[in-house]
């Protein structure tokens, strides 16, 4: 059985102060991989999220600076199950 130090997500969350201390260093690329997985999960469930949560996530993504507001909006529109061209 793995302990917290073997779990990349636990180490990343601990680094961000979102979980208790986890021993072990974050490996190169681990944080990026976790962010990629979380981002993909958000996109997969985007249409199921309440409108205010969508707006909050969108605003947070725009505040990160890159890609820009329009690029993010086009991406969401292109990948949203109700608006994507199939």
C-alpha atoms as a PDB file:
ATOM      1  CA  UNK A   1       0.000   0.000   0.000  1.00  0.00           C
ATOM      2  CA  UNK A   2       1.310   3.473  -0.913  1.00  0.00           C
ATOM      3  CA  UNK A   3       1.695   6.147   1.682  1.00  0.00           C
ATOM      4  CA  UNK A   4       1.260   9.871   1.003  1.00  0.00           C
ATOM      5  CA  UNK A   5       4.903  10.305   0.030  1.00  0.00           C
ATOM      6  CA  UNK A   6       4.355   7.918  -2.905  1.00  0.00           C
ATOM      7  CA  UNK A   7       1.353   9.833  -4.214  1.00  0.00           C
ATOM      8  CA  UNK A   8       2.213  12.734  -6.574  1.00  0.00           C
ATOM      9  CA  UNK A   9      -1.168  14.383  -5.989  1.00  0.00           C
ATOM     10  CA  UNK A  10      -0.648  14.367  -2.211  1.00  0.00           C
ATOM     11  CA  UNK A  11       2.793  15.949  -2.593  1.00  0.00           C
ATOM     12  CA  UNK A  12       1.517  18.642  -4.959  1.00  0.00           C
ATOM     13  CA  UNK A  13      -1.468  19.465  -2.731  1.00  0.00           C
ATOM     14  CA  UNK A  14       0.807  19.629   0.312  1.00  0.00           C
ATOM     15  CA  UNK A  15       3.094  22.024  -1.549  1.00  0.00           C
ATOM     16  CA  UNK A  16       0.112  24.263  -2.286  1.00  0.00           C
ATOM     17  CA  UNK A  17      -0.978  24.089   1.352  1.00  0.00           C
ATOM     18  CA  UNK A  18      -4.134  22.168   0.442  1.00  0.00           C
ATOM     19  CA  UNK A  19      -3.266  18.981   2.300  1.00  0.00           C
ATOM     20  CA  UNK A  20      -1.268  17.959   5.318  1.00  0.00           C
ATOM     21  CA  UNK A  21       2.479  17.621   5.045  1.00  0.00           C
ATOM     22  CA  UNK A  22       3.586  14.942   2.663  1.00  0.00           C
ATOM     23  CA  UNK A  23       7.133  13.763   2.769  1.00  0.00           C
ATOM     24  CA  UNK A  24       9.110  13.395  -0.422  1.00  0.00           C
ATOM     25  CA  UNK A  25      10.058  15.921  -3.027  1.00  0.00           C
ATOM     26  CA  UNK A  26       7.856  16.727  -5.980  1.00  0.00           C
ATOM     27  CA  UNK A  27       9.419  15.173  -9.039  1.00  0.00           C
ATOM     28  CA  UNK A  28      10.018  17.295 -12.147  1.00  0.00           C
ATOM     29  CA  UNK A  29       6.829  17.332 -14.184  1.00  0.00           C
ATOM     30  CA  UNK A  30       4.613  16.003 -11.381  1.00  0.00           C
ATOM     31  CA  UNK A  31       2.946  19.314 -10.735  1.00  0.00           C
ATOM     32  CA  UNK A  32       2.371  19.847 -14.446  1.00  0.00           C
ATOM     33  CA  UNK A  33       0.880  16.356 -14.765  1.00  0.00           C
ATOM     34  CA  UNK A  34      -1.502  16.957 -11.851  1.00  0.00           C
ATOM     35  CA  UNK A  35      -2.561  20.319 -13.288  1.00  0.00           C
ATOM     36  CA  UNK A  36      -3.104  18.712 -16.693  1.00  0.00           C
ATOM     37  CA  UNK A  37      -5.292  15.965 -15.192  1.00  0.00           C
ATOM     38  CA  UNK A  38      -7.325  18.401 -13.109  1.00  0.00           C
ATOM     39  CA  UNK A  39      -7.766  20.721 -16.088  1.00  0.00           C
ATOM     40  CA  UNK A  40      -8.906  17.859 -18.299  1.00  0.00           C
ATOM     41  CA  UNK A  41     -11.393  16.781 -15.628  1.00  0.00           C
ATOM     42  CA  UNK A  42     -12.815  20.299 -15.398  1.00  0.00           C
ATOM     43  CA  UNK A  43     -13.239  20.489 -19.178  1.00  0.00           C
ATOM     44  CA  UNK A  44     -14.874  17.056 -19.251  1.00  0.00           C
ATOM     45  CA  UNK A  45     -17.439  18.182 -16.664  1.00  0.00           C
ATOM     46  CA  UNK A  46     -17.734  21.831 -17.762  1.00  0.00           C
ATOM     47  CA  UNK A  47     -21.346  21.606 -18.924  1.00  0.00           C
ATOM     48  CA  UNK A  48     -22.363  20.020 -15.607  1.00  0.00           C
ATOM     49  CA  UNK A  49     -20.935  22.857 -13.513  1.00  0.00           C
ATOM     50  CA  UNK A  50     -23.192  25.653 -12.275  1.00  0.00           C
ATOM     51  CA  UNK A  51     -22.878  28.851 -14.303  1.00  0.00           C
ATOM     52  CA  UNK A  52     -21.303  30.772 -11.391  1.00  0.00           C
ATOM     53  CA  UNK A  53     -18.620  28.080 -10.990  1.00  0.00           C
ATOM     54  CA  UNK A  54     -17.937  28.182 -14.732  1.00  0.00           C
ATOM     55  CA  UNK A  55     -17.551  31.969 -14.554  1.00  0.00           C
ATOM     56  CA  UNK A  56     -15.239  31.761 -11.532  1.00  0.00           C
ATOM     57  CA  UNK A  57     -13.017  29.134 -13.196  1.00  0.00           C
ATOM     58  CA  UNK A  58     -12.992  31.093 -16.454  1.00  0.00           C
ATOM     59  CA  UNK A  59     -12.012  34.307 -14.662  1.00  0.00           C
ATOM     60  CA  UNK A  60      -9.251  32.489 -12.753  1.00  0.00           C
ATOM     61  CA  UNK A  61      -7.906  31.025 -15.992  1.00  0.00           C
ATOM     62  CA  UNK A  62      -7.950  34.436 -17.684  1.00  0.00           C
ATOM     63  CA  UNK A  63      -6.176  35.975 -14.683  1.00  0.00           C
ATOM     64  CA  UNK A  64      -3.349  33.471 -15.165  1.00  0.00           C
ATOM     65  CA  UNK A  65      -2.509  35.505 -18.253  1.00  0.00           C
ATOM     66  CA  UNK A  66      -1.958  33.029 -21.031  1.00  0.00           C
ATOM     67  CA  UNK A  67      -3.795  31.967 -23.129  1.00  0.00           C
ATOM     68  CA  UNK A  68      -6.009  35.022 -23.350  1.00  0.00           C
ATOM     69  CA  UNK A  69      -9.709  35.460 -22.683  1.00  0.00           C
ATOM     70  CA  UNK A  70     -10.746  34.970 -26.309  1.00  0.00           C
ATOM     71  CA  UNK A  71      -8.583  31.859 -26.768  1.00  0.00           C
ATOM     72  CA  UNK A  72     -10.046  30.258 -23.646  1.00  0.00           C
ATOM     73  CA  UNK A  73     -13.601  31.140 -24.716  1.00  0.00           C
ATOM     74  CA  UNK A  74     -13.052  29.651 -28.187  1.00  0.00           C
ATOM     75  CA  UNK A  75     -11.543  26.492 -26.669  1.00  0.00           C
ATOM     76  CA  UNK A  76     -14.497  26.027 -24.323  1.00  0.00           C
ATOM     77  CA  UNK A  77     -16.986  26.685 -27.111  1.00  0.00           C
ATOM     78  CA  UNK A  78     -15.199  24.221 -29.400  1.00  0.00           C
ATOM     79  CA  UNK A  79     -15.038  21.483 -26.751  1.00  0.00           C
ATOM     80  CA  UNK A  80     -18.402  21.992 -25.018  1.00  0.00           C
ATOM     81  CA  UNK A  81     -20.625  19.000 -25.780  1.00  0.00           C
ATOM     82  CA  UNK A  82     -23.578  21.262 -26.671  1.00  0.00           C
ATOM     83  CA  UNK A  83     -21.653  23.543 -29.036  1.00  0.00           C
ATOM     84  CA  UNK A  84     -18.809  21.431 -30.411  1.00  0.00           C
ATOM     85  CA  UNK A  85     -18.939  20.536 -34.058  1.00  0.00           C
ATOM     86  CA  UNK A  86     -18.949  16.803 -34.434  1.00  0.00           C
END
